Amino acid sequence: DAFAWSTKCVAFEGRIVVVGFASGTVPQAALNHALVKNYTILGLHW
């Protein structure tokens, strides 16, 4: 749910950093939504 909320309240040219899945649920990103809202999804494997 945290990722879903994030896509709804991220700013224009915002960046969502995906760090992990402590909830146990790996979200499926809707790339059309990222395109329309013009935000970036960034993976981080330190």
All heavy atoms as atom14 arrays in JSON, in Angstrom:
{
  "sequence": "DAFAWSTKCVAFEGRIVVVGFASGTVPQAALNHALVKNYTILGLHW",
  "atom14_mask": [
    [1, 1, 1, 1, 1, 1, 1, 1, 0, 0, 0, 0, 0, 0],
    [1, 1, 1, 1, 1, 0, 0, 0, 0, 0, 0, 0, 0, 0],
    [1, 1, 1, 1, 1, 1, 1, 1, 1, 1, 1, 0, 0, 0],
    [1, 1, 1, 1, 1, 0, 0, 0, 0, 0, 0, 0, 0, 0],
    [1, 1, 1, 1, 1, 1, 1, 1, 1, 1, 1, 1, 1, 1],
    [1, 1, 1, 1, 1, 1, 0, 0, 0, 0, 0, 0, 0, 0],
    [1, 1, 1, 1, 1, 1, 1, 0, 0, 0, 0, 0, 0, 0],
    [1, 1, 1, 1, 1, 1, 1, 1, 1, 0, 0, 0, 0, 0],
    [1, 1, 1, 1, 1, 1, 0, 0, 0, 0, 0, 0, 0, 0],
    [1, 1, 1, 1, 1, 1, 1, 0, 0, 0, 0, 0, 0, 0],
    [1, 1, 1, 1, 1, 0, 0, 0, 0, 0, 0, 0, 0, 0],
    [1, 1, 1, 1, 1, 1, 1, 1, 1, 1, 1, 0, 0, 0],
    [1, 1, 1, 1, 1, 1, 1, 1, 1, 0, 0, 0, 0, 0],
    [1, 1, 1, 1, 0, 0, 0, 0, 0, 0, 0, 0, 0, 0],
    [1, 1, 1, 1, 1, 1, 1, 1, 1, 1, 1, 0, 0, 0],
    [1, 1, 1, 1, 1, 1, 1, 1, 0, 0, 0, 0, 0, 0],
    [1, 1, 1, 1, 1, 1, 1, 0, 0, 0, 0, 0, 0, 0],
    [1, 1, 1, 1, 1, 1, 1, 0, 0, 0, 0, 0, 0, 0],
    [1, 1, 1, 1, 1, 1, 1, 0, 0, 0, 0, 0, 0, 0],
    [1, 1, 1, 1, 0, 0, 0, 0, 0, 0, 0, 0, 0, 0],
    [1, 1, 1, 1, 1, 1, 1, 1, 1, 1, 1, 0, 0, 0],
    [1, 1, 1, 1, 1, 0, 0, 0, 0, 0, 0, 0, 0, 0],
    [1, 1, 1, 1, 1, 1, 0, 0, 0, 0, 0, 0, 0, 0],
    [1, 1, 1, 1, 0, 0, 0, 0, 0, 0, 0, 0, 0, 0],
    [1, 1, 1, 1, 1, 1, 1, 0, 0, 0, 0, 0, 0, 0],
    [1, 1, 1, 1, 1, 1, 1, 0, 0, 0, 0, 0, 0, 0],
    [1, 1, 1, 1, 1, 1, 1, 0, 0, 0, 0, 0, 0, 0],
    [1, 1, 1, 1, 1, 1, 1, 1, 1, 0, 0, 0, 0, 0],
    [1, 1, 1, 1, 1, 0, 0, 0, 0, 0, 0, 0, 0, 0],
    [1, 1, 1, 1, 1, 0, 0, 0, 0, 0, 0, 0, 0, 0],
    [1, 1, 1, 1, 1, 1, 1, 1, 0, 0, 0, 0, 0, 0],
    [1, 1, 1, 1, 1, 1, 1, 1, 0, 0, 0, 0, 0, 0],
    [1, 1, 1, 1, 1, 1, 1, 1, 1, 1, 0, 0, 0, 0],
    [1, 1, 1, 1, 1, 0, 0, 0, 0, 0, 0, 0, 0, 0],
    [1, 1, 1, 1, 1, 1, 1, 1, 0, 0, 0, 0, 0, 0],
    [1, 1, 1, 1, 1, 1, 1, 0, 0, 0, 0, 0, 0, 0],
    [1, 1, 1, 1, 1, 1, 1, 1, 1, 0, 0, 0, 0, 0],
    [1, 1, 1, 1, 1, 1, 1, 1, 0, 0, 0, 0, 0, 0],
    [1, 1, 1, 1, 1, 1, 1, 1, 1, 1, 1, 1, 0, 0],
    [1, 1, 1, 1, 1, 1, 1, 0, 0, 0, 0, 0, 0, 0],
    [1, 1, 1, 1, 1, 1, 1, 1, 0, 0, 0, 0, 0, 0],
    [1, 1, 1, 1, 1, 1, 1, 1, 0, 0, 0, 0, 0, 0],
    [1, 1, 1, 1, 0, 0, 0, 0, 0, 0, 0, 0, 0, 0],
    [1, 1, 1, 1, 1, 1, 1, 1, 0, 0, 0, 0, 0, 0],
    [1, 1, 1, 1, 1, 1, 1, 1, 1, 1, 0, 0, 0, 0],
    [1, 1, 1, 1, 1, 1, 1, 1, 1, 1, 1, 1, 1, 1]
  ],
  "atom14_positions": [
    [[0.82, -1.22, 0.0], [0.0, 0.0, 0.0], [0.85, 1.26, 0.0], [0.45, 2.28, -0.59], [-0.93, 0.01, 1.21], [-2.05, -1.01, 1.12], [-2.35, -1.46, 0.0], [-2.6, -1.37, 2.18], [0.0, 0.0, 0.0], [0.0, 0.0, 0.0], [0.0, 0.0, 0.0], [0.0, 0.0, 0.0], [0.0, 0.0, 0.0], [0.0, 0.0, 0.0]],
    [[2.0, 1.22, 0.66], [2.85, 2.4, 0.74], [3.27, 2.86, -0.66], [3.28, 4.07, -0.96], [4.09, 2.12, 1.6], [0.0, 0.0, 0.0], [0.0, 0.0, 0.0], [0.0, 0.0, 0.0], [0.0, 0.0, 0.0], [0.0, 0.0, 0.0], [0.0, 0.0, 0.0], [0.0, 0.0, 0.0], [0.0, 0.0, 0.0], [0.0, 0.0, 0.0]],
    [[3.6, 1.92, -1.52], [3.99, 2.29, -2.88], [2.8, 2.87, -3.64], [2.93, 3.88, -4.36], [4.55, 1.08, -3.63], [4.96, 1.39, -5.04], [6.2, 1.95, -5.3], [4.11, 1.13, -6.11], [6.58, 2.26, -6.61], [4.48, 1.43, -7.41], [5.72, 1.99, -7.66], [0.0, 0.0, 0.0], [0.0, 0.0, 0.0], [0.0, 0.0, 0.0]],
    [[1.64, 2.26, -3.47], [0.44, 2.77, -4.15], [0.14, 4.2, -3.71], [-0.19, 5.06, -4.55], [-0.75, 1.86, -3.85], [0.0, 0.0, 0.0], [0.0, 0.0, 0.0], [0.0, 0.0, 0.0], [0.0, 0.0, 0.0], [0.0, 0.0, 0.0], [0.0, 0.0, 0.0], [0.0, 0.0, 0.0], [0.0, 0.0, 0.0], [0.0, 0.0, 0.0]],
    [[0.23, 4.48, -2.41], [0.02, 5.85, -1.93], [1.05, 6.8, -2.54], [0.72, 7.92, -2.91], [0.11, 5.9, -0.41], [-0.93, 5.09, 0.31], [-2.16, 4.74, -0.16], [-0.82, 4.52, 1.61], [-2.82, 3.98, 0.78], [-2.02, 3.83, 1.88], [0.18, 4.51, 2.58], [-2.25, 3.16, 3.07], [-0.04, 3.84, 3.77], [-1.24, 3.17, 4.02]],
    [[2.27, 6.33, -2.61], [3.35, 7.18, -3.11], [3.09, 7.65, -4.53], [3.34, 8.81, -4.88], [4.69, 6.43, -3.04], [4.99, 6.05, -1.72], [0.0, 0.0, 0.0], [0.0, 0.0, 0.0], [0.0, 0.0, 0.0], [0.0, 0.0, 0.0], [0.0, 0.0, 0.0], [0.0, 0.0, 0.0], [0.0, 0.0, 0.0], [0.0, 0.0, 0.0]],
    [[2.6, 6.76, -5.38], [2.35, 7.14, -6.78], [1.25, 8.19, -6.88], [1.19, 8.93, -7.87], [1.96, 5.92, -7.62], [0.72, 5.36, -7.15], [3.06, 4.85, -7.57], [0.0, 0.0, 0.0], [0.0, 0.0, 0.0], [0.0, 0.0, 0.0], [0.0, 0.0, 0.0], [0.0, 0.0, 0.0], [0.0, 0.0, 0.0], [0.0, 0.0, 0.0]],
    [[0.41, 8.26, -5.87], [-0.71, 9.21, -5.9], [-0.34, 10.58, -5.31], [-1.09, 11.55, -5.5], [-1.91, 8.64, -5.14], [-2.5, 7.39, -5.79], [-3.62, 6.82, -4.94], [-4.18, 5.53, -5.56], [-5.24, 4.93, -4.72], [0.0, 0.0, 0.0], [0.0, 0.0, 0.0], [0.0, 0.0, 0.0], [0.0, 0.0, 0.0], [0.0, 0.0, 0.0]],
    [[0.78, 10.64, -4.58], [1.14, 11.92, -3.97], [2.58, 12.33, -4.28], [3.16, 13.13, -3.56], [0.89, 11.91, -2.47], [1.87, 10.72, -1.53], [0.0, 0.0, 0.0], [0.0, 0.0, 0.0], [0.0, 0.0, 0.0], [0.0, 0.0, 0.0], [0.0, 0.0, 0.0], [0.0, 0.0, 0.0], [0.0, 0.0, 0.0], [0.0, 0.0, 0.0]],
    [[3.16, 11.78, -5.34], [4.49, 12.18, -5.75], [4.37, 13.41, -6.65], [3.42, 13.54, -7.43], [5.23, 11.03, -6.47], [4.56, 10.65, -7.78], [6.71, 11.35, -6.67], [0.0, 0.0, 0.0], [0.0, 0.0, 0.0], [0.0, 0.0, 0.0], [0.0, 0.0, 0.0], [0.0, 0.0, 0.0], [0.0, 0.0, 0.0], [0.0, 0.0, 0.0]],
    [[5.33, 14.31, -6.56], [5.28, 15.57, -7.29], [5.63, 15.39, -8.77], [6.16, 14.36, -9.19], [6.24, 16.57, -6.66], [0.0, 0.0, 0.0], [0.0, 0.0, 0.0], [0.0, 0.0, 0.0], [0.0, 0.0, 0.0], [0.0, 0.0, 0.0], [0.0, 0.0, 0.0], [0.0, 0.0, 0.0], [0.0, 0.0, 0.0], [0.0, 0.0, 0.0]],
    [[5.35, 16.41, -9.55], [5.83, 16.49, -10.92], [7.36, 16.39, -10.91], [8.03, 17.08, -10.15], [5.4, 17.82, -11.54], [6.02, 18.11, -12.88], [5.57, 17.45, -14.01], [7.05, 19.04, -12.99], [6.14, 17.72, -15.26], [7.62, 19.31, -14.23], [7.17, 18.66, -15.36], [0.0, 0.0, 0.0], [0.0, 0.0, 0.0], [0.0, 0.0, 0.0]],
    [[7.9, 15.49, -11.72], [9.34, 15.19, -11.73], [9.84, 14.64, -10.39], [11.01, 14.75, -10.06], [10.18, 16.4, -12.15], [9.97, 16.8, -13.61], [11.03, 17.75, -14.13], [11.52, 18.59, -13.36], [11.35, 17.64, -15.34], [0.0, 0.0, 0.0], [0.0, 0.0, 0.0], [0.0, 0.0, 0.0], [0.0, 0.0, 0.0], [0.0, 0.0, 0.0]],
    [[8.92, 14.03, -9.63], [9.3, 13.41, -8.38], [10.01, 12.09, -8.6], [9.99, 11.51, -9.7], [0.0, 0.0, 0.0], [0.0, 0.0, 0.0], [0.0, 0.0, 0.0], [0.0, 0.0, 0.0], [0.0, 0.0, 0.0], [0.0, 0.0, 0.0], [0.0, 0.0, 0.0], [0.0, 0.0, 0.0], [0.0, 0.0, 0.0], [0.0, 0.0, 0.0]],
    [[10.64, 11.59, -7.52], [11.41, 10.35, -7.6], [10.99, 9.43, -6.46], [11.05, 9.84, -5.29], [12.91, 10.63, -7.48], [13.51, 11.38, -8.65], [13.36, 12.9, -8.54], [14.32, 13.5, -7.61], [14.18, 14.72, -7.09], [13.11, 15.47, -7.37], [15.1, 15.19, -6.27], [0.0, 0.0, 0.0], [0.0, 0.0, 0.0], [0.0, 0.0, 0.0]],
    [[10.59, 8.21, -6.79], [10.25, 7.21, -5.79], [11.4, 6.22, -5.72], [11.73, 5.57, -6.72], [8.94, 6.47, -6.14], [7.77, 7.45, -6.21], [8.66, 5.38, -5.1], [6.47, 6.82, -6.68], [0.0, 0.0, 0.0], [0.0, 0.0, 0.0], [0.0, 0.0, 0.0], [0.0, 0.0, 0.0], [0.0, 0.0, 0.0], [0.0, 0.0, 0.0]],
    [[12.03, 6.1, -4.55], [13.15, 5.19, -4.37], [12.64, 3.9, -3.74], [12.15, 3.91, -2.6], [14.25, 5.81, -3.48], [15.46, 4.88, -3.41], [14.68, 7.17, -4.02], [0.0, 0.0, 0.0], [0.0, 0.0, 0.0], [0.0, 0.0, 0.0], [0.0, 0.0, 0.0], [0.0, 0.0, 0.0], [0.0, 0.0, 0.0], [0.0, 0.0, 0.0]],
    [[12.73, 2.81, -4.47], [12.27, 1.5, -3.99], [13.43, 0.83, -3.25], [14.44, 0.46, -3.87], [11.78, 0.62, -5.15], [11.36, -0.74, -4.65], [10.63, 1.31, -5.88], [0.0, 0.0, 0.0], [0.0, 0.0, 0.0], [0.0, 0.0, 0.0], [0.0, 0.0, 0.0], [0.0, 0.0, 0.0], [0.0, 0.0, 0.0], [0.0, 0.0, 0.0]],
    [[13.29, 0.68, -1.93], [14.37, 0.17, -1.09], [14.12, -1.27, -0.66], [15.06, -2.04, -0.43], [14.55, 1.08, 0.15], [15.72, 0.62, 1.0], [14.74, 2.53, -0.27], [0.0, 0.0, 0.0], [0.0, 0.0, 0.0], [0.0, 0.0, 0.0], [0.0, 0.0, 0.0], [0.0, 0.0, 0.0], [0.0, 0.0, 0.0], [0.0, 0.0, 0.0]],
    [[12.87, -1.65, -0.51], [12.55, -3.0, -0.05], [11.07, -3.2, 0.08], [10.27, -2.32, -0.26], [0.0, 0.0, 0.0], [0.0, 0.0, 0.0], [0.0, 0.0, 0.0], [0.0, 0.0, 0.0], [0.0, 0.0, 0.0], [0.0, 0.0, 0.0], [0.0, 0.0, 0.0], [0.0, 0.0, 0.0], [0.0, 0.0, 0.0], [0.0, 0.0, 0.0]],
    [[10.69, -4.37, 0.62], [9.29, -4.76, 0.66], [8.96, -5.37, 2.03], [8.55, -6.53, 2.13], [8.98, -5.75, -0.47], [9.52, -5.3, -1.8], [10.65, -5.91, -2.35], [8.94, -4.25, -2.49], [11.16, -5.49, -3.56], [9.44, -3.82, -3.71], [10.57, -4.44, -4.24], [0.0, 0.0, 0.0], [0.0, 0.0, 0.0], [0.0, 0.0, 0.0]],
    [[9.13, -4.56, 3.07], [8.9, -5.06, 4.42], [7.46, -5.49, 4.63], [7.17, -6.29, 5.53], [9.29, -3.99, 5.44], [0.0, 0.0, 0.0], [0.0, 0.0, 0.0], [0.0, 0.0, 0.0], [0.0, 0.0, 0.0], [0.0, 0.0, 0.0], [0.0, 0.0, 0.0], [0.0, 0.0, 0.0], [0.0, 0.0, 0.0], [0.0, 0.0, 0.0]],
    [[6.53, -4.97, 3.83], [5.13, -5.37, 3.95], [4.91, -6.81, 3.5], [3.87, -7.41, 3.8], [4.25, -4.44, 3.11], [4.51, -4.63, 1.73], [0.0, 0.0, 0.0], [0.0, 0.0, 0.0], [0.0, 0.0, 0.0], [0.0, 0.0, 0.0], [0.0, 0.0, 0.0], [0.0, 0.0, 0.0], [0.0, 0.0, 0.0], [0.0, 0.0, 0.0]],
    [[5.86, -7.33, 2.75], [5.7, -8.67, 2.18], [5.04, -8.68, 0.82], [4.93, -9.73, 0.19], [0.0, 0.0, 0.0], [0.0, 0.0, 0.0], [0.0, 0.0, 0.0], [0.0, 0.0, 0.0], [0.0, 0.0, 0.0], [0.0, 0.0, 0.0], [0.0, 0.0, 0.0], [0.0, 0.0, 0.0], [0.0, 0.0, 0.0], [0.0, 0.0, 0.0]],
    [[4.62, -7.51, 0.34], [3.96, -7.41, -0.96], [4.83, -6.61, -1.92], [5.15, -5.45, -1.64], [2.59, -6.71, -0.82], [1.76, -7.47, 0.08], [1.89, -6.62, -2.17], [0.0, 0.0, 0.0], [0.0, 0.0, 0.0], [0.0, 0.0, 0.0], [0.0, 0.0, 0.0], [0.0, 0.0, 0.0], [0.0, 0.0, 0.0], [0.0, 0.0, 0.0]],
    [[5.19, -7.22, -3.02], [5.97, -6.53, -4.06], [4.98, -5.91, -5.04], [4.25, -6.62, -5.74], [6.9, -7.51, -4.79], [7.68, -6.78, -5.88], [7.85, -8.18, -3.81], [0.0, 0.0, 0.0], [0.0, 0.0, 0.0], [0.0, 0.0, 0.0], [0.0, 0.0, 0.0], [0.0, 0.0, 0.0], [0.0, 0.0, 0.0], [0.0, 0.0, 0.0]],
    [[4.93, -4.57, -5.1], [3.93, -3.93, -5.97], [4.28, -4.07, -7.44], [5.45, -4.21, -7.81], [3.98, -2.46, -5.53], [5.35, -2.28, -4.96], [5.73, -3.59, -4.34], [0.0, 0.0, 0.0], [0.0, 0.0, 0.0], [0.0, 0.0, 0.0], [0.0, 0.0, 0.0], [0.0, 0.0, 0.0], [0.0, 0.0, 0.0], [0.0, 0.0, 0.0]],
    [[3.27, -4.03, -8.27], [3.44, -4.02, -9.71], [3.26, -2.59, -10.21], [2.16, -2.04, -10.16], [2.42, -4.96, -10.38], [2.51, -6.41, -9.91], [3.86, -7.02, -10.24], [4.33, -6.96, -11.38], [4.49, -7.62, -9.23], [0.0, 0.0, 0.0], [0.0, 0.0, 0.0], [0.0, 0.0, 0.0], [0.0, 0.0, 0.0], [0.0, 0.0, 0.0]],
    [[4.34, -1.97, -10.66], [4.28, -0.58, -11.08], [3.52, -0.42, -12.38], [3.72, -1.18, -13.34], [5.69, -0.03, -11.24], [0.0, 0.0, 0.0], [0.0, 0.0, 0.0], [0.0, 0.0, 0.0], [0.0, 0.0, 0.0], [0.0, 0.0, 0.0], [0.0, 0.0, 0.0], [0.0, 0.0, 0.0], [0.0, 0.0, 0.0], [0.0, 0.0, 0.0]],
    [[2.62, 0.56, -12.42], [1.88, 0.89, -13.64], [2.69, 1.94, -14.4], [2.68, 3.12, -14.07], [0.5, 1.42, -13.29], [0.0, 0.0, 0.0], [0.0, 0.0, 0.0], [0.0, 0.0, 0.0], [0.0, 0.0, 0.0], [0.0, 0.0, 0.0], [0.0, 0.0, 0.0], [0.0, 0.0, 0.0], [0.0, 0.0, 0.0], [0.0, 0.0, 0.0]],
    [[3.41, 1.51, -15.41], [4.32, 2.43, -16.1], [3.58, 3.51, -16.86], [4.12, 4.61, -17.07], [5.23, 1.64, -17.04], [6.17, 0.64, -16.35], [7.12, 0.02, -17.35], [6.95, 1.31, -15.22], [0.0, 0.0, 0.0], [0.0, 0.0, 0.0], [0.0, 0.0, 0.0], [0.0, 0.0, 0.0], [0.0, 0.0, 0.0], [0.0, 0.0, 0.0]],
    [[2.33, 3.23, -17.28], [1.55, 4.3, -17.92], [1.28, 5.42, -16.94], [1.23, 6.6, -17.33], [0.25, 3.73, -18.49], [-0.65, 3.12, -17.42], [-0.15, 2.51, -16.47], [-1.97, 3.26, -17.57], [0.0, 0.0, 0.0], [0.0, 0.0, 0.0], [0.0, 0.0, 0.0], [0.0, 0.0, 0.0], [0.0, 0.0, 0.0], [0.0, 0.0, 0.0]],
    [[1.11, 5.09, -15.65], [0.88, 6.11, -14.63], [2.14, 6.96, -14.44], [2.06, 8.19, -14.32], [0.47, 5.44, -13.32], [-0.06, 6.4, -12.29], [0.7, 6.86, -11.24], [-1.28, 6.98, -12.15], [-0.02, 7.68, -10.5], [-1.24, 7.77, -11.03], [0.0, 0.0, 0.0], [0.0, 0.0, 0.0], [0.0, 0.0, 0.0], [0.0, 0.0, 0.0]],
    [[3.31, 6.3, -14.41], [4.57, 7.04, -14.28], [4.76, 7.97, -15.47], [5.27, 9.1, -15.32], [5.74, 6.07, -14.17], [0.0, 0.0, 0.0], [0.0, 0.0, 0.0], [0.0, 0.0, 0.0], [0.0, 0.0, 0.0], [0.0, 0.0, 0.0], [0.0, 0.0, 0.0], [0.0, 0.0, 0.0], [0.0, 0.0, 0.0], [0.0, 0.0, 0.0]],
    [[4.35, 7.52, -16.65], [4.47, 8.35, -17.85], [3.55, 9.57, -17.77], [3.97, 10.71, -17.99], [4.14, 7.5, -19.07], [4.25, 8.13, -20.46], [4.55, 7.06, -21.5], [2.97, 8.87, -20.86], [0.0, 0.0, 0.0], [0.0, 0.0, 0.0], [0.0, 0.0, 0.0], [0.0, 0.0, 0.0], [0.0, 0.0, 0.0], [0.0, 0.0, 0.0]],
    [[2.29, 9.33, -17.43], [1.3, 10.42, -17.43], [1.63, 11.45, -16.35], [1.5, 12.67, -16.58], [-0.12, 9.85, -17.23], [-1.12, 10.97, -16.98], [-0.53, 9.04, -18.44], [0.0, 0.0, 0.0], [0.0, 0.0, 0.0], [0.0, 0.0, 0.0], [0.0, 0.0, 0.0], [0.0, 0.0, 0.0], [0.0, 0.0, 0.0], [0.0, 0.0, 0.0]],
    [[2.08, 10.99, -15.17], [2.37, 11.93, -14.07], [3.81, 12.43, -14.09], [4.17, 13.31, -13.33], [2.08, 11.27, -12.72], [0.6, 11.11, -12.41], [0.37, 10.84, -10.92], [0.74, 12.03, -10.05], [0.45, 11.79, -8.61], [0.0, 0.0, 0.0], [0.0, 0.0, 0.0], [0.0, 0.0, 0.0], [0.0, 0.0, 0.0], [0.0, 0.0, 0.0]],
    [[4.64, 11.87, -14.96], [6.01, 12.35, -15.14], [6.85, 12.21, -13.86], [7.49, 13.15, -13.41], [6.02, 13.81, -15.61], [7.28, 14.15, -16.39], [7.63, 13.46, -17.34], [7.97, 15.19, -15.98], [0.0, 0.0, 0.0], [0.0, 0.0, 0.0], [0.0, 0.0, 0.0], [0.0, 0.0, 0.0], [0.0, 0.0, 0.0], [0.0, 0.0, 0.0]],
    [[6.84, 11.0, -13.28], [7.71, 10.74, -12.13], [8.62, 9.56, -12.45], [8.42, 8.83, -13.44], [6.9, 10.49, -10.85], [5.98, 9.29, -10.86], [6.43, 8.0, -10.56], [4.62, 9.44, -11.14], [5.57, 6.91, -10.55], [3.74, 8.35, -11.14], [4.23, 7.09, -10.85], [3.39, 6.01, -10.84], [0.0, 0.0, 0.0], [0.0, 0.0, 0.0]],
    [[9.61, 9.37, -11.61], [10.63, 8.35, -11.83], [10.59, 7.32, -10.71], [10.46, 7.68, -9.54], [12.04, 8.98, -11.86], [12.08, 9.98, -12.89], [13.11, 7.93, -12.13], [0.0, 0.0, 0.0], [0.0, 0.0, 0.0], [0.0, 0.0, 0.0], [0.0, 0.0, 0.0], [0.0, 0.0, 0.0], [0.0, 0.0, 0.0], [0.0, 0.0, 0.0]],
    [[10.71, 6.05, -11.06], [10.83, 4.96, -10.08], [12.26, 4.47, -10.11], [12.78, 4.05, -11.15], [9.87, 3.81, -10.41], [8.42, 4.3, -10.46], [10.01, 2.67, -9.38], [7.44, 3.3, -11.02], [0.0, 0.0, 0.0], [0.0, 0.0, 0.0], [0.0, 0.0, 0.0], [0.0, 0.0, 0.0], [0.0, 0.0, 0.0], [0.0, 0.0, 0.0]],
    [[12.94, 4.55, -8.98], [14.36, 4.21, -8.88], [14.55, 3.0, -7.98], [14.1, 2.99, -6.83], [15.14, 5.39, -8.3], [15.12, 6.69, -9.12], [15.58, 7.85, -8.26], [16.01, 6.56, -10.34], [0.0, 0.0, 0.0], [0.0, 0.0, 0.0], [0.0, 0.0, 0.0], [0.0, 0.0, 0.0], [0.0, 0.0, 0.0], [0.0, 0.0, 0.0]],
    [[15.19, 1.97, -8.47], [15.53, 0.84, -7.63], [16.85, 1.09, -6.91], [17.74, 1.75, -7.45], [0.0, 0.0, 0.0], [0.0, 0.0, 0.0], [0.0, 0.0, 0.0], [0.0, 0.0, 0.0], [0.0, 0.0, 0.0], [0.0, 0.0, 0.0], [0.0, 0.0, 0.0], [0.0, 0.0, 0.0], [0.0, 0.0, 0.0], [0.0, 0.0, 0.0]],
    [[16.97, 0.56, -5.71], [18.22, 0.7, -4.96], [18.61, -0.65, -4.36], [17.93, -1.16, -3.47], [18.09, 1.74, -3.84], [19.34, 1.84, -2.96], [20.54, 2.31, -3.75], [19.11, 2.73, -1.76], [0.0, 0.0, 0.0], [0.0, 0.0, 0.0], [0.0, 0.0, 0.0], [0.0, 0.0, 0.0], [0.0, 0.0, 0.0], [0.0, 0.0, 0.0]],
    [[19.7, -1.22, -4.86], [20.29, -2.41, -4.27], [21.69, -2.0, -3.81], [22.65, -2.05, -4.58], [20.35, -3.54, -5.29], [20.96, -4.8, -4.78], [21.24, -5.89, -5.58], [21.36, -5.16, -3.52], [21.78, -6.85, -4.85], [21.86, -6.43, -3.6], [0.0, 0.0, 0.0], [0.0, 0.0, 0.0], [0.0, 0.0, 0.0], [0.0, 0.0, 0.0]],
    [[21.78, -1.57, -2.54], [23.04, -1.01, -2.05], [24.18, -2.0, -2.15], [25.33, -1.63, -2.45], [22.88, -0.54, -0.59], [24.2, -0.18, 0.01], [24.93, 0.95, -0.22], [24.97, -0.98, 0.91], [26.1, 0.91, 0.49], [26.15, -0.26, 1.18], [24.77, -2.22, 1.52], [27.13, -0.76, 2.05], [25.74, -2.72, 2.36], [26.91, -1.99, 2.62]]
  ]
}
